[in-house]
């Protein structure tokens, strides 16, 4: 049977970082006391130093940077759909949002007709 993965709360991670920085113990000693791998503790400290308070958003929650990237990706997709509609709309006979399959079919038709 597979081992169940340990899940640590954001509060636990922040407390571990605080303990690491406030005590004179080594990282290995703190990790051993908390029953955490030293590499995991090092990763938490690096993530906290890079992201500050938003370092551990929790399962399913996005950091500010991830939310911004997702918003931009969605916006980019909407622009691409509009461009595809404008470029291939006259060849398709309809002007609705093309599906990926429909897009590639139109592209192949264009390539085939231009090669003849």
C-alpha atoms as a PDB file:
ATOM      1  CA  UNK A   1       0.000   0.000   0.000  1.00  0.00           C
ATOM      2  CA  UNK A   2       1.328   3.429  -0.925  1.00  0.00           C
ATOM      3  CA  UNK A   3       2.354   5.852   1.781  1.00  0.00           C
ATOM      4  CA  UNK A   4      -0.011   8.750   2.279  1.00  0.00           C
ATOM      5  CA  UNK A   5       1.541  12.103   1.462  1.00  0.00           C
ATOM      6  CA  UNK A   6       1.905  14.536   4.346  1.00  0.00           C
ATOM      7  CA  UNK A   7       0.062  17.822   3.988  1.00  0.00           C
ATOM      8  CA  UNK A   8       1.265  20.808   5.985  1.00  0.00           C
ATOM      9  CA  UNK A   9      -0.892  23.828   6.740  1.00  0.00           C
ATOM     10  CA  UNK A  10       0.321  27.318   5.835  1.00  0.00           C
ATOM     11  CA  UNK A  11       0.433  28.125   9.565  1.00  0.00           C
ATOM     12  CA  UNK A  12       2.734  25.165  10.208  1.00  0.00           C
ATOM     13  CA  UNK A  13       5.055  26.254   7.402  1.00  0.00           C
ATOM     14  CA  UNK A  14       5.212  29.839   8.655  1.00  0.00           C
ATOM     15  CA  UNK A  15       5.864  28.657  12.209  1.00  0.00           C
ATOM     16  CA  UNK A  16       8.634  26.351  10.974  1.00  0.00           C
ATOM     17  CA  UNK A  17      10.282  29.262   9.140  1.00  0.00           C
ATOM     18  CA  UNK A  18       9.951  31.502  12.201  1.00  0.00           C
ATOM     19  CA  UNK A  19      11.498  28.791  14.390  1.00  0.00           C
ATOM     20  CA  UNK A  20      14.342  28.300  11.917  1.00  0.00           C
ATOM     21  CA  UNK A  21      15.173  31.999  11.781  1.00  0.00           C
ATOM     22  CA  UNK A  22      14.688  32.828  15.451  1.00  0.00           C
ATOM     23  CA  UNK A  23      16.592  29.901  16.973  1.00  0.00           C
ATOM     24  CA  UNK A  24      20.274  29.162  16.765  1.00  0.00           C
ATOM     25  CA  UNK A  25      19.563  25.596  15.695  1.00  0.00           C
ATOM     26  CA  UNK A  26      20.730  24.288  12.355  1.00  0.00           C
ATOM     27  CA  UNK A  27      18.283  23.552   9.588  1.00  0.00           C
ATOM     28  CA  UNK A  28      18.817  19.829  10.079  1.00  0.00           C
ATOM     29  CA  UNK A  29      18.030  20.085  13.795  1.00  0.00           C
ATOM     30  CA  UNK A  30      14.833  22.086  13.203  1.00  0.00           C
ATOM     31  CA  UNK A  31      13.771  19.700  10.451  1.00  0.00           C
ATOM     32  CA  UNK A  32      14.402  16.712  12.707  1.00  0.00           C
ATOM     33  CA  UNK A  33      12.405  18.312  15.567  1.00  0.00           C
ATOM     34  CA  UNK A  34       9.469  19.016  13.254  1.00  0.00           C
ATOM     35  CA  UNK A  35       9.732  15.665  11.437  1.00  0.00           C
ATOM     36  CA  UNK A  36      10.205  17.402   8.075  1.00  0.00           C
ATOM     37  CA  UNK A  37      12.857  16.802   5.454  1.00  0.00           C
ATOM     38  CA  UNK A  38      15.556  19.526   5.455  1.00  0.00           C
ATOM     39  CA  UNK A  39      15.038  20.069   1.728  1.00  0.00           C
ATOM     40  CA  UNK A  40      11.339  20.705   2.314  1.00  0.00           C
ATOM     41  CA  UNK A  41      12.135  23.250   5.027  1.00  0.00           C
ATOM     42  CA  UNK A  42      14.644  24.934   2.704  1.00  0.00           C
ATOM     43  CA  UNK A  43      12.018  25.145  -0.056  1.00  0.00           C
ATOM     44  CA  UNK A  44       9.496  26.720   2.338  1.00  0.00           C
ATOM     45  CA  UNK A  45      12.039  29.320   3.423  1.00  0.00           C
ATOM     46  CA  UNK A  46      12.914  30.154  -0.202  1.00  0.00           C
ATOM     47  CA  UNK A  47       9.235  30.402  -1.176  1.00  0.00           C
ATOM     48  CA  UNK A  48       8.523  32.669   1.796  1.00  0.00           C
ATOM     49  CA  UNK A  49      11.494  34.931   1.010  1.00  0.00           C
ATOM     50  CA  UNK A  50      10.333  35.258  -2.625  1.00  0.00           C
ATOM     51  CA  UNK A  51       6.589  35.690  -2.042  1.00  0.00           C
ATOM     52  CA  UNK A  52       6.193  36.965   1.506  1.00  0.00           C
ATOM     53  CA  UNK A  53       2.730  36.618   3.045  1.00  0.00           C
ATOM     54  CA  UNK A  54       1.230  35.124  -0.125  1.00  0.00           C
ATOM     55  CA  UNK A  55       3.782  32.290  -0.159  1.00  0.00           C
ATOM     56  CA  UNK A  56       1.424  29.505   0.928  1.00  0.00           C
ATOM     57  CA  UNK A  57      -2.027  30.158  -0.567  1.00  0.00           C
ATOM     58  CA  UNK A  58      -3.371  26.696   0.234  1.00  0.00           C
ATOM     59  CA  UNK A  59      -4.694  23.898  -1.925  1.00  0.00           C
ATOM     60  CA  UNK A  60      -6.662  25.179  -4.912  1.00  0.00           C
ATOM     61  CA  UNK A  61      -5.989  28.858  -4.223  1.00  0.00           C
ATOM     62  CA  UNK A  62      -3.845  30.840  -6.595  1.00  0.00           C
ATOM     63  CA  UNK A  63      -1.071  33.220  -5.724  1.00  0.00           C
ATOM     64  CA  UNK A  64      -1.364  36.719  -7.156  1.00  0.00           C
ATOM     65  CA  UNK A  65       1.114  35.906  -9.904  1.00  0.00           C
ATOM     66  CA  UNK A  66      -0.689  32.701 -10.894  1.00  0.00           C
ATOM     67  CA  UNK A  67      -4.039  34.507 -11.011  1.00  0.00           C
ATOM     68  CA  UNK A  68      -2.561  37.218 -13.237  1.00  0.00           C
ATOM     69  CA  UNK A  69      -0.994  34.607 -15.555  1.00  0.00           C
ATOM     70  CA  UNK A  70      -4.307  32.765 -15.825  1.00  0.00           C
ATOM     71  CA  UNK A  71      -6.160  36.005 -16.616  1.00  0.00           C
ATOM     72  CA  UNK A  72      -3.637  36.930 -19.318  1.00  0.00           C
ATOM     73  CA  UNK A  73      -3.776  33.448 -20.826  1.00  0.00           C
ATOM     74  CA  UNK A  74      -7.559  33.633 -21.007  1.00  0.00           C
ATOM     75  CA  UNK A  75      -7.381  37.069 -22.611  1.00  0.00           C
ATOM     76  CA  UNK A  76      -4.798  35.812 -25.125  1.00  0.00           C
ATOM     77  CA  UNK A  77      -7.093  32.885 -26.022  1.00  0.00           C
ATOM     78  CA  UNK A  78     -10.028  35.219 -26.667  1.00  0.00           C
ATOM     79  CA  UNK A  79      -7.848  37.345 -28.964  1.00  0.00           C
ATOM     80  CA  UNK A  80      -6.656  34.262 -30.855  1.00  0.00           C
ATOM     81  CA  UNK A  81     -10.239  33.103 -31.378  1.00  0.00           C
ATOM     82  CA  UNK A  82     -11.172  36.505 -32.799  1.00  0.00           C
ATOM     83  CA  UNK A  83      -8.175  36.411 -35.139  1.00  0.00           C
ATOM     84  CA  UNK A  84      -9.095  32.909 -36.333  1.00  0.00           C
ATOM     85  CA  UNK A  85     -12.663  34.042 -36.927  1.00  0.00           C
ATOM     86  CA  UNK A  86     -11.522  37.013 -38.974  1.00  0.00           C
ATOM     87  CA  UNK A  87      -8.953  35.001 -40.929  1.00  0.00           C
ATOM     88  CA  UNK A  88     -11.002  31.882 -41.690  1.00  0.00           C
ATOM     89  CA  UNK A  89     -14.582  33.103 -41.312  1.00  0.00           C
ATOM     90  CA  UNK A  90     -15.077  33.854 -45.036  1.00  0.00           C
ATOM     91  CA  UNK A  91     -13.952  30.312 -45.951  1.00  0.00           C
ATOM     92  CA  UNK A  92     -16.119  28.500 -43.459  1.00  0.00           C
ATOM     93  CA  UNK A  93     -19.545  29.824 -44.421  1.00  0.00           C
ATOM     94  CA  UNK A  94     -20.321  30.654 -40.800  1.00  0.00           C
ATOM     95  CA  UNK A  95     -18.849  33.025 -38.258  1.00  0.00           C
ATOM     96  CA  UNK A  96     -19.150  31.249 -34.936  1.00  0.00           C
ATOM     97  CA  UNK A  97     -16.211  30.323 -32.721  1.00  0.00           C
ATOM     98  CA  UNK A  98     -14.140  27.671 -34.501  1.00  0.00           C
ATOM     99  CA  UNK A  99     -13.354  24.483 -32.691  1.00  0.00           C
ATOM    100  CA  UNK A 100      -9.755  23.277 -32.896  1.00  0.00           C
ATOM    101  CA  UNK A 101     -10.845  20.474 -35.231  1.00  0.00           C
ATOM    102  CA  UNK A 102     -12.691  22.922 -37.480  1.00  0.00           C
ATOM    103  CA  UNK A 103      -9.724  25.257 -37.505  1.00  0.00           C
ATOM    104  CA  UNK A 104      -7.316  22.572 -38.642  1.00  0.00           C
ATOM    105  CA  UNK A 105      -9.748  21.330 -41.273  1.00  0.00           C
ATOM    106  CA  UNK A 106     -10.001  24.837 -42.748  1.00  0.00           C
ATOM    107  CA  UNK A 107      -6.235  25.217 -42.577  1.00  0.00           C
ATOM    108  CA  UNK A 108      -5.736  21.932 -44.449  1.00  0.00           C
ATOM    109  CA  UNK A 109      -8.317  22.991 -47.053  1.00  0.00           C
ATOM    110  CA  UNK A 110      -6.489  26.264 -47.575  1.00  0.00           C
ATOM    111  CA  UNK A 111      -3.139  24.473 -47.897  1.00  0.00           C
ATOM    112  CA  UNK A 112      -4.618  21.925 -50.310  1.00  0.00           C
ATOM    113  CA  UNK A 113      -6.303  24.513 -52.559  1.00  0.00           C
ATOM    114  CA  UNK A 114      -3.217  26.750 -52.658  1.00  0.00           C
ATOM    115  CA  UNK A 115      -0.965  23.836 -53.663  1.00  0.00           C
ATOM    116  CA  UNK A 116      -3.071  22.963 -56.739  1.00  0.00           C
END
